[in-house]
Amino acid sequence: RDAPAKKLTLRAYRRYEGKYGYRQLQLFLQQDDGV
């Protein structure tokens, strides 16, 4: 069920080179991908 969400999360993690944790990644997912 979570395959698309995992893909988005991993893409955001790699985009920011693994610098940020789950709180920041959540904000970046909303800002960048609108999710």
PDB file of all heavy atoms in Angstrom:
ATOM      1  N   ARG A   1       0.812  -1.215   0.000  1.00  0.00           N
ATOM      2  CA  ARG A   1       0.000   0.000   0.000  1.00  0.00           C
ATOM      3  C   ARG A   1       0.843   1.263   0.000  1.00  0.00           C
ATOM      4  O   ARG A   1       0.460   2.280  -0.552  1.00  0.00           O
ATOM      5  CB  ARG A   1      -0.901   0.034   1.235  1.00  0.00           C
ATOM      6  CG  ARG A   1      -2.124  -0.816   1.097  1.00  0.00           C
ATOM      7  CD  ARG A   1      -3.002  -0.747   2.315  1.00  0.00           C
ATOM      8  NE  ARG A   1      -3.086   0.591   2.892  1.00  0.00           N
ATOM      9  CZ  ARG A   1      -3.524   0.859   4.101  1.00  0.00           C
ATOM     10  NH1 ARG A   1      -3.888  -0.122   4.889  1.00  0.00           N
ATOM     11  NH2 ARG A   1      -3.579   2.080   4.550  1.00  0.00           N
ATOM     12  N   ASP A   2       2.016   1.174   0.642  1.00  0.00           N
ATOM     13  CA  ASP A   2       2.838   2.361   0.822  1.00  0.00           C
ATOM     14  C   ASP A   2       3.936   2.504  -0.230  1.00  0.00           C
ATOM     15  O   ASP A   2       4.844   3.310  -0.045  1.00  0.00           O
ATOM     16  CB  ASP A   2       3.474   2.345   2.214  1.00  0.00           C
ATOM     17  CG  ASP A   2       2.442   2.514   3.311  1.00  0.00           C
ATOM     18  OD1 ASP A   2       1.430   3.199   3.054  1.00  0.00           O
ATOM     19  OD2 ASP A   2       2.641   1.970   4.399  1.00  0.00           O
ATOM     20  N   ALA A   3       3.871   1.751  -1.304  1.00  0.00           N
ATOM     21  CA  ALA A   3       4.935   1.809  -2.313  1.00  0.00           C
ATOM     22  C   ALA A   3       5.110   3.205  -2.905  1.00  0.00           C
ATOM     23  O   ALA A   3       6.244   3.694  -2.992  1.00  0.00           O
ATOM     24  CB  ALA A   3       4.684   0.774  -3.405  1.00  0.00           C
ATOM     25  N   PRO A   4       4.034   3.900  -3.320  1.00  0.00           N
ATOM     26  CA  PRO A   4       4.239   5.257  -3.853  1.00  0.00           C
ATOM     27  C   PRO A   4       4.765   6.227  -2.799  1.00  0.00           C
ATOM     28  O   PRO A   4       5.624   7.073  -3.091  1.00  0.00           O
ATOM     29  CB  PRO A   4       2.845   5.694  -4.314  1.00  0.00           C
ATOM     30  CG  PRO A   4       2.008   4.486  -4.321  1.00  0.00           C
ATOM     31  CD  PRO A   4       2.650   3.490  -3.420  1.00  0.00           C
ATOM     32  N   ALA A   5       4.301   6.082  -1.565  1.00  0.00           N
ATOM     33  CA  ALA A   5       4.765   6.957  -0.485  1.00  0.00           C
ATOM     34  C   ALA A   5       6.234   6.703  -0.176  1.00  0.00           C
ATOM     35  O   ALA A   5       6.996   7.636   0.088  1.00  0.00           O
ATOM     36  CB  ALA A   5       3.916   6.748   0.757  1.00  0.00           C
ATOM     37  N   LYS A   6       6.639   5.432  -0.228  1.00  0.00           N
ATOM     38  CA  LYS A   6       8.048   5.107   0.006  1.00  0.00           C
ATOM     39  C   LYS A   6       8.923   5.716  -1.075  1.00  0.00           C
ATOM     40  O   LYS A   6      10.007   6.237  -0.798  1.00  0.00           O
ATOM     41  CB  LYS A   6       8.249   3.584   0.029  1.00  0.00           C
ATOM     42  CG  LYS A   6       7.894   2.938   1.328  1.00  0.00           C
ATOM     43  CD  LYS A   6       8.225   1.461   1.290  1.00  0.00           C
ATOM     44  CE  LYS A   6       7.843   0.779   2.580  1.00  0.00           C
ATOM     45  NZ  LYS A   6       8.140  -0.654   2.568  1.00  0.00           N
ATOM     46  N   LYS A   7       8.443   5.641  -2.310  1.00  0.00           N
ATOM     47  CA  LYS A   7       9.209   6.194  -3.419  1.00  0.00           C
ATOM     48  C   LYS A   7       9.388   7.704  -3.261  1.00  0.00           C
ATOM     49  O   LYS A   7      10.482   8.239  -3.448  1.00  0.00           O
ATOM     50  CB  LYS A   7       8.505   5.891  -4.748  1.00  0.00           C
ATOM     51  CG  LYS A   7       9.314   6.281  -5.967  1.00  0.00           C
ATOM     52  CD  LYS A   7       8.548   6.064  -7.240  1.00  0.00           C
ATOM     53  CE  LYS A   7       8.484   4.610  -7.608  1.00  0.00           C
ATOM     54  NZ  LYS A   7       7.865   4.379  -8.922  1.00  0.00           N
ATOM     55  N   LEU A   8       8.313   8.401  -2.882  1.00  0.00           N
ATOM     56  CA  LEU A   8       8.383   9.851  -2.674  1.00  0.00           C
ATOM     57  C   LEU A   8       9.320  10.199  -1.525  1.00  0.00           C
ATOM     58  O   LEU A   8      10.114  11.143  -1.621  1.00  0.00           O
ATOM     59  CB  LEU A   8       6.989  10.407  -2.368  1.00  0.00           C
ATOM     60  CG  LEU A   8       6.062  10.649  -3.540  1.00  0.00           C
ATOM     61  CD1 LEU A   8       4.669  10.999  -3.040  1.00  0.00           C
ATOM     62  CD2 LEU A   8       6.596  11.769  -4.410  1.00  0.00           C
ATOM     63  N   THR A   9       9.221   9.453  -0.439  1.00  0.00           N
ATOM     64  CA  THR A   9      10.056   9.715   0.731  1.00  0.00           C
ATOM     65  C   THR A   9      11.527   9.510   0.396  1.00  0.00           C
ATOM     66  O   THR A   9      12.376  10.338   0.744  1.00  0.00           O
ATOM     67  CB  THR A   9       9.649   8.801   1.899  1.00  0.00           C
ATOM     68  OG1 THR A   9       8.253   8.967   2.152  1.00  0.00           O
ATOM     69  CG2 THR A   9      10.422   9.114   3.148  1.00  0.00           C
ATOM     70  N   LEU A  10      11.843   8.432  -0.291  1.00  0.00           N
ATOM     71  CA  LEU A  10      13.228   8.147  -0.654  1.00  0.00           C
ATOM     72  C   LEU A  10      13.760   9.190  -1.620  1.00  0.00           C
ATOM     73  O   LEU A  10      14.917   9.619  -1.518  1.00  0.00           O
ATOM     74  CB  LEU A  10      13.318   6.747  -1.265  1.00  0.00           C
ATOM     75  CG  LEU A  10      14.699   6.146  -1.407  1.00  0.00           C
ATOM     76  CD1 LEU A  10      15.396   6.085  -0.049  1.00  0.00           C
ATOM     77  CD2 LEU A  10      14.625   4.766  -2.019  1.00  0.00           C
ATOM     78  N   ARG A  11      12.922   9.641  -2.548  1.00  0.00           N
ATOM     79  CA  ARG A  11      13.349  10.665  -3.503  1.00  0.00           C
ATOM     80  C   ARG A  11      13.658  11.981  -2.789  1.00  0.00           C
ATOM     81  O   ARG A  11      14.668  12.625  -3.072  1.00  0.00           O
ATOM     82  CB  ARG A  11      12.281  10.876  -4.571  1.00  0.00           C
ATOM     83  CG  ARG A  11      12.757  11.747  -5.710  1.00  0.00           C
ATOM     84  CD  ARG A  11      11.768  11.787  -6.818  1.00  0.00           C
ATOM     85  NE  ARG A  11      10.564  12.486  -6.363  1.00  0.00           N
ATOM     86  CZ  ARG A  11       9.464  12.604  -7.063  1.00  0.00           C
ATOM     87  NH1 ARG A  11       9.372  12.036  -8.246  1.00  0.00           N
ATOM     88  NH2 ARG A  11       8.427  13.254  -6.607  1.00  0.00           N
ATOM     89  N   ALA A  12      12.801  12.370  -1.833  1.00  0.00           N
ATOM     90  CA  ALA A  12      13.040  13.602  -1.067  1.00  0.00           C
ATOM     91  C   ALA A  12      14.295  13.464  -0.210  1.00  0.00           C
ATOM     92  O   ALA A  12      15.084  14.406  -0.086  1.00  0.00           O
ATOM     93  CB  ALA A  12      11.835  13.917  -0.192  1.00  0.00           C
ATOM     94  N   TYR A  13      14.495  12.284   0.371  1.00  0.00           N
ATOM     95  CA  TYR A  13      15.680  12.037   1.190  1.00  0.00           C
ATOM     96  C   TYR A  13      16.949  12.201   0.353  1.00  0.00           C
ATOM     97  O   TYR A  13      17.907  12.849   0.774  1.00  0.00           O
ATOM     98  CB  TYR A  13      15.592  10.624   1.769  1.00  0.00           C
ATOM     99  CG  TYR A  13      16.774  10.206   2.599  1.00  0.00           C
ATOM    100  CD1 TYR A  13      16.891  10.606   3.923  1.00  0.00           C
ATOM    101  CD2 TYR A  13      17.766   9.382   2.070  1.00  0.00           C
ATOM    102  CE1 TYR A  13      17.968  10.212   4.695  1.00  0.00           C
ATOM    103  CE2 TYR A  13      18.846   8.989   2.835  1.00  0.00           C
ATOM    104  CZ  TYR A  13      18.942   9.401   4.136  1.00  0.00           C
ATOM    105  OH  TYR A  13      20.017   9.016   4.897  1.00  0.00           O
ATOM    106  N   ARG A  14      16.945  11.646  -0.839  1.00  0.00           N
ATOM    107  CA  ARG A  14      18.119  11.744  -1.719  1.00  0.00           C
ATOM    108  C   ARG A  14      18.300  13.152  -2.269  1.00  0.00           C
ATOM    109  O   ARG A  14      19.426  13.600  -2.472  1.00  0.00           O
ATOM    110  CB  ARG A  14      17.999  10.744  -2.861  1.00  0.00           C
ATOM    111  CG  ARG A  14      18.203   9.330  -2.391  1.00  0.00           C
ATOM    112  CD  ARG A  14      18.199   8.363  -3.536  1.00  0.00           C
ATOM    113  NE  ARG A  14      18.409   6.999  -3.060  1.00  0.00           N
ATOM    114  CZ  ARG A  14      17.910   5.932  -3.644  1.00  0.00           C
ATOM    115  NH1 ARG A  14      17.172   6.062  -4.731  1.00  0.00           N
ATOM    116  NH2 ARG A  14      18.139   4.738  -3.163  1.00  0.00           N
ATOM    117  N   ARG A  15      17.201  13.844  -2.522  1.00  0.00           N
ATOM    118  CA  ARG A  15      17.269  15.208  -3.055  1.00  0.00           C
ATOM    119  C   ARG A  15      18.018  16.126  -2.098  1.00  0.00           C
ATOM    120  O   ARG A  15      18.779  16.992  -2.517  1.00  0.00           O
ATOM    121  CB  ARG A  15      15.868  15.751  -3.305  1.00  0.00           C
ATOM    122  CG  ARG A  15      15.838  17.115  -3.947  1.00  0.00           C
ATOM    123  CD  ARG A  15      14.435  17.677  -4.054  1.00  0.00           C
ATOM    124  NE  ARG A  15      13.509  16.736  -4.666  1.00  0.00           N
ATOM    125  CZ  ARG A  15      12.241  16.575  -4.279  1.00  0.00           C
ATOM    126  NH1 ARG A  15      11.746  17.289  -3.300  1.00  0.00           N
ATOM    127  NH2 ARG A  15      11.464  15.718  -4.890  1.00  0.00           N
ATOM    128  N   TYR A  16      17.794  15.913  -0.804  1.00  0.00           N
ATOM    129  CA  TYR A  16      18.451  16.741   0.202  1.00  0.00           C
ATOM    130  C   TYR A  16      19.643  16.037   0.842  1.00  0.00           C
ATOM    131  O   TYR A  16      20.087  16.416   1.922  1.00  0.00           O
ATOM    132  CB  TYR A  16      17.433  17.173   1.268  1.00  0.00           C
ATOM    133  CG  TYR A  16      16.406  18.111   0.700  1.00  0.00           C
ATOM    134  CD1 TYR A  16      15.140  17.660   0.354  1.00  0.00           C
ATOM    135  CD2 TYR A  16      16.710  19.432   0.449  1.00  0.00           C
ATOM    136  CE1 TYR A  16      14.203  18.507  -0.199  1.00  0.00           C
ATOM    137  CE2 TYR A  16      15.778  20.291  -0.107  1.00  0.00           C
ATOM    138  CZ  TYR A  16      14.531  19.821  -0.419  1.00  0.00           C
ATOM    139  OH  TYR A  16      13.604  20.663  -0.975  1.00  0.00           O
ATOM    140  N   GLU A  17      20.159  15.026   0.170  1.00  0.00           N
ATOM    141  CA  GLU A  17      21.400  14.328   0.521  1.00  0.00           C
ATOM    142  C   GLU A  17      21.394  13.744   1.941  1.00  0.00           C
ATOM    143  O   GLU A  17      22.430  13.671   2.592  1.00  0.00           O
ATOM    144  CB  GLU A  17      22.594  15.277   0.353  1.00  0.00           C
ATOM    145  CG  GLU A  17      22.716  15.788  -1.067  1.00  0.00           C
ATOM    146  CD  GLU A  17      23.653  16.980  -1.169  1.00  0.00           C
ATOM    147  OE1 GLU A  17      24.212  17.412  -0.135  1.00  0.00           O
ATOM    148  OE2 GLU A  17      23.803  17.485  -2.282  1.00  0.00           O
ATOM    149  N   GLY A  18      20.213  13.371   2.429  1.00  0.00           N
ATOM    150  CA  GLY A  18      20.120  12.712   3.731  1.00  0.00           C
ATOM    151  C   GLY A  18      20.386  13.608   4.919  1.00  0.00           C
ATOM    152  O   GLY A  18      20.654  13.124   6.009  1.00  0.00           O
ATOM    153  N   LYS A  19      20.328  14.915   4.710  1.00  0.00           N
ATOM    154  CA  LYS A  19      20.638  15.848   5.796  1.00  0.00           C
ATOM    155  C   LYS A  19      19.508  15.985   6.796  1.00  0.00           C
ATOM    156  O   LYS A  19      19.746  16.337   7.943  1.00  0.00           O
ATOM    157  CB  LYS A  19      20.937  17.242   5.229  1.00  0.00           C
ATOM    158  CG  LYS A  19      22.215  17.315   4.454  1.00  0.00           C
ATOM    159  CD  LYS A  19      22.409  18.705   3.916  1.00  0.00           C
ATOM    160  CE  LYS A  19      23.618  18.747   3.013  1.00  0.00           C
ATOM    161  NZ  LYS A  19      23.707  19.993   2.282  1.00  0.00           N
ATOM    162  N   TYR A  20      18.287  15.764   6.367  1.00  0.00           N
ATOM    163  CA  TYR A  20      17.135  16.100   7.188  1.00  0.00           C
ATOM    164  C   TYR A  20      16.391  14.865   7.682  1.00  0.00           C
ATOM    165  O   TYR A  20      16.378  13.832   7.026  1.00  0.00           O
ATOM    166  CB  TYR A  20      16.179  17.003   6.409  1.00  0.00           C
ATOM    167  CG  TYR A  20      16.847  18.277   5.960  1.00  0.00           C
ATOM    168  CD1 TYR A  20      17.167  18.486   4.632  1.00  0.00           C
ATOM    169  CD2 TYR A  20      17.176  19.262   6.876  1.00  0.00           C
ATOM    170  CE1 TYR A  20      17.799  19.648   4.224  1.00  0.00           C
ATOM    171  CE2 TYR A  20      17.805  20.428   6.488  1.00  0.00           C
ATOM    172  CZ  TYR A  20      18.107  20.612   5.156  1.00  0.00           C
ATOM    173  OH  TYR A  20      18.735  21.762   4.763  1.00  0.00           O
ATOM    174  N   GLY A  21      15.735  15.027   8.814  1.00  0.00           N
ATOM    175  CA  GLY A  21      14.969  13.952   9.419  1.00  0.00           C
ATOM    176  C   GLY A  21      13.521  13.971   8.964  1.00  0.00           C
ATOM    177  O   GLY A  21      13.148  14.677   8.032  1.00  0.00           O
ATOM    178  N   TYR A  22      12.700  13.206   9.651  1.00  0.00           N
ATOM    179  CA  TYR A  22      11.322  13.008   9.211  1.00  0.00           C
ATOM    180  C   TYR A  22      10.490  14.285   9.281  1.00  0.00           C
ATOM    181  O   TYR A  22       9.615  14.497   8.443  1.00  0.00           O
ATOM    182  CB  TYR A  22      10.657  11.876  10.000  1.00  0.00           C
ATOM    183  CG  TYR A  22      10.379  12.158  11.458  1.00  0.00           C
ATOM    184  CD1 TYR A  22       9.125  12.601  11.865  1.00  0.00           C
ATOM    185  CD2 TYR A  22      11.354  11.965  12.424  1.00  0.00           C
ATOM    186  CE1 TYR A  22       8.860  12.843  13.198  1.00  0.00           C
ATOM    187  CE2 TYR A  22      11.096  12.208  13.758  1.00  0.00           C
ATOM    188  CZ  TYR A  22       9.857  12.653  14.136  1.00  0.00           C
ATOM    189  OH  TYR A  22       9.573  12.901  15.453  1.00  0.00           O
ATOM    190  N   ARG A  23      10.766  15.162  10.247  1.00  0.00           N
ATOM    191  CA  ARG A  23       9.960  16.386  10.365  1.00  0.00           C
ATOM    192  C   ARG A  23      10.180  17.301   9.166  1.00  0.00           C
ATOM    193  O   ARG A  23       9.233  17.810   8.567  1.00  0.00           O
ATOM    194  CB  ARG A  23      10.307  17.126  11.650  1.00  0.00           C
ATOM    195  CG  ARG A  23       9.950  16.355  12.897  1.00  0.00           C
ATOM    196  CD  ARG A  23      10.326  17.169  14.127  1.00  0.00           C
ATOM    197  NE  ARG A  23      10.154  16.423  15.344  1.00  0.00           N
ATOM    198  CZ  ARG A  23      11.164  15.877  16.026  1.00  0.00           C
ATOM    199  NH1 ARG A  23      12.391  16.003  15.623  1.00  0.00           N
ATOM    200  NH2 ARG A  23      10.924  15.207  17.125  1.00  0.00           N
ATOM    201  N   GLN A  24      11.461  17.521   8.832  1.00  0.00           N
ATOM    202  CA  GLN A  24      11.765  18.382   7.692  1.00  0.00           C
ATOM    203  C   GLN A  24      11.335  17.728   6.381  1.00  0.00           C
ATOM    204  O   GLN A  24      10.846  18.402   5.484  1.00  0.00           O
ATOM    205  CB  GLN A  24      13.258  18.686   7.642  1.00  0.00           C
ATOM    206  CG  GLN A  24      13.691  19.770   8.590  1.00  0.00           C
ATOM    207  CD  GLN A  24      13.071  21.111   8.249  1.00  0.00           C
ATOM    208  OE1 GLN A  24      12.341  21.676   9.046  1.00  0.00           O
ATOM    209  NE2 GLN A  24      13.335  21.613   7.084  1.00  0.00           N
ATOM    210  N   LEU A  25      11.533  16.424   6.258  1.00  0.00           N
ATOM    211  CA  LEU A  25      11.140  15.731   5.031  1.00  0.00           C
ATOM    212  C   LEU A  25       9.646  15.866   4.788  1.00  0.00           C
ATOM    213  O   LEU A  25       9.216  16.011   3.649  1.00  0.00           O
ATOM    214  CB  LEU A  25      11.517  14.251   5.088  1.00  0.00           C
ATOM    215  CG  LEU A  25      12.932  13.891   4.673  1.00  0.00           C
ATOM    216  CD1 LEU A  25      13.103  12.386   4.628  1.00  0.00           C
ATOM    217  CD2 LEU A  25      13.318  14.496   3.365  1.00  0.00           C
ATOM    218  N   GLN A  26       8.867  15.815   5.858  1.00  0.00           N
ATOM    219  CA  GLN A  26       7.422  15.974   5.710  1.00  0.00           C
ATOM    220  C   GLN A  26       7.099  17.343   5.130  1.00  0.00           C
ATOM    221  O   GLN A  26       6.271  17.468   4.232  1.00  0.00           O
ATOM    222  CB  GLN A  26       6.735  15.795   7.058  1.00  0.00           C
ATOM    223  CG  GLN A  26       5.236  15.888   6.987  1.00  0.00           C
ATOM    224  CD  GLN A  26       4.637  16.745   8.085  1.00  0.00           C
ATOM    225  OE1 GLN A  26       5.347  17.357   8.867  1.00  0.00           O
ATOM    226  NE2 GLN A  26       3.336  16.793   8.117  1.00  0.00           N
ATOM    227  N   LEU A  27       7.787  18.384   5.610  1.00  0.00           N
ATOM    228  CA  LEU A  27       7.554  19.731   5.091  1.00  0.00           C
ATOM    229  C   LEU A  27       8.014  19.854   3.643  1.00  0.00           C
ATOM    230  O   LEU A  27       7.356  20.496   2.825  1.00  0.00           O
ATOM    231  CB  LEU A  27       8.285  20.754   5.968  1.00  0.00           C
ATOM    232  CG  LEU A  27       7.775  20.862   7.396  1.00  0.00           C
ATOM    233  CD1 LEU A  27       8.678  21.783   8.205  1.00  0.00           C
ATOM    234  CD2 LEU A  27       6.349  21.380   7.408  1.00  0.00           C
ATOM    235  N   PHE A  28       9.146  19.236   3.314  1.00  0.00           N
ATOM    236  CA  PHE A  28       9.648  19.291   1.939  1.00  0.00           C
ATOM    237  C   PHE A  28       8.731  18.535   0.983  1.00  0.00           C
ATOM    238  O   PHE A  28       8.572  18.940  -0.171  1.00  0.00           O
ATOM    239  CB  PHE A  28      11.067  18.741   1.847  1.00  0.00           C
ATOM    240  CG  PHE A  28      12.093  19.628   2.497  1.00  0.00           C
ATOM    241  CD1 PHE A  28      13.118  19.097   3.249  1.00  0.00           C
ATOM    242  CD2 PHE A  28      12.037  21.003   2.355  1.00  0.00           C
ATOM    243  CE1 PHE A  28      14.067  19.900   3.843  1.00  0.00           C
ATOM    244  CE2 PHE A  28      12.978  21.835   2.940  1.00  0.00           C
ATOM    245  CZ  PHE A  28      13.991  21.277   3.690  1.00  0.00           C
ATOM    246  N   LEU A  29       8.149  17.433   1.443  1.00  0.00           N
ATOM    247  CA  LEU A  29       7.201  16.704   0.595  1.00  0.00           C
ATOM    248  C   LEU A  29       6.002  17.584   0.260  1.00  0.00           C
ATOM    249  O   LEU A  29       5.510  17.580  -0.861  1.00  0.00           O
ATOM    250  CB  LEU A  29       6.721  15.423   1.289  1.00  0.00           C
ATOM    251  CG  LEU A  29       7.679  14.244   1.283  1.00  0.00           C
ATOM    252  CD1 LEU A  29       7.170  13.160   2.218  1.00  0.00           C
ATOM    253  CD2 LEU A  29       7.847  13.701  -0.113  1.00  0.00           C
ATOM    254  N   GLN A  30       5.562  18.356   1.240  1.00  0.00           N
ATOM    255  CA  GLN A  30       4.415  19.237   1.000  1.00  0.00           C
ATOM    256  C   GLN A  30       4.808  20.400   0.096  1.00  0.00           C
ATOM    257  O   GLN A  30       4.070  20.748  -0.823  1.00  0.00           O
ATOM    258  CB  GLN A  30       3.881  19.759   2.327  1.00  0.00           C
ATOM    259  CG  GLN A  30       2.592  20.533   2.164  1.00  0.00           C
ATOM    260  CD  GLN A  30       2.019  20.981   3.490  1.00  0.00           C
ATOM    261  OE1 GLN A  30       2.663  20.865   4.521  1.00  0.00           O
ATOM    262  NE2 GLN A  30       0.822  21.499   3.460  1.00  0.00           N
ATOM    263  N   GLN A  31       5.977  20.988   0.321  1.00  0.00           N
ATOM    264  CA  GLN A  31       6.414  22.130  -0.479  1.00  0.00           C
ATOM    265  C   GLN A  31       6.736  21.740  -1.916  1.00  0.00           C
ATOM    266  O   GLN A  31       6.260  22.363  -2.856  1.00  0.00           O
ATOM    267  CB  GLN A  31       7.680  22.746   0.129  1.00  0.00           C
ATOM    268  CG  GLN A  31       7.441  23.651   1.292  1.00  0.00           C
ATOM    269  CD  GLN A  31       8.747  24.188   1.854  1.00  0.00           C
ATOM    270  OE1 GLN A  31       9.830  23.749   1.471  1.00  0.00           O
ATOM    271  NE2 GLN A  31       8.639  25.128   2.767  1.00  0.00           N
ATOM    272  N   ASP A  32       7.576  20.732  -2.082  1.00  0.00           N
ATOM    273  CA  ASP A  32       8.103  20.390  -3.404  1.00  0.00           C
ATOM    274  C   ASP A  32       7.133  19.581  -4.247  1.00  0.00           C
ATOM    275  O   ASP A  32       6.992  19.835  -5.439  1.00  0.00           O
ATOM    276  CB  ASP A  32       9.419  19.613  -3.261  1.00  0.00           C
ATOM    277  CG  ASP A  32      10.476  20.403  -2.512  1.00  0.00           C
ATOM    278  OD1 ASP A  32      10.333  21.641  -2.411  1.00  0.00           O
ATOM    279  OD2 ASP A  32      11.440  19.788  -2.029  1.00  0.00           O
ATOM    280  N   ASP A  33       6.504  18.580  -3.643  1.00  0.00           N
ATOM    281  CA  ASP A  33       5.662  17.657  -4.403  1.00  0.00           C
ATOM    282  C   ASP A  33       4.171  17.903  -4.208  1.00  0.00           C
ATOM    283  O   ASP A  33       3.360  17.287  -4.891  1.00  0.00           O
ATOM    284  CB  ASP A  33       5.991  16.208  -4.013  1.00  0.00           C
ATOM    285  CG  ASP A  33       7.451  15.865  -4.279  1.00  0.00           C
ATOM    286  OD1 ASP A  33       7.973  16.336  -5.308  1.00  0.00           O
ATOM    287  OD2 ASP A  33       8.062  15.154  -3.464  1.00  0.00           O
ATOM    288  N   GLY A  34       3.822  18.741  -3.252  1.00  0.00           N
ATOM    289  CA  GLY A  34       2.405  19.000  -2.999  1.00  0.00           C
ATOM    290  C   GLY A  34       1.694  17.818  -2.372  1.00  0.00           C
ATOM    291  O   GLY A  34       0.485  17.665  -2.501  1.00  0.00           O
ATOM    292  N   VAL A  35       2.441  16.984  -1.665  1.00  0.00           N
ATOM    293  CA  VAL A  35       1.876  15.778  -1.056  1.00  0.00           C
ATOM    294  C   VAL A  35       1.858  15.948   0.456  1.00  0.00           C
ATOM    295  O   VAL A  35       2.906  16.155   1.079  1.00  0.00           O
ATOM    296  CB  VAL A  35       2.728  14.531  -1.416  1.00  0.00           C
ATOM    297  CG1 VAL A  35       2.207  13.304  -0.696  1.00  0.00           C
ATOM    298  CG2 VAL A  35       2.724  14.321  -2.902  1.00  0.00           C
TER     299      VAL A  35
END
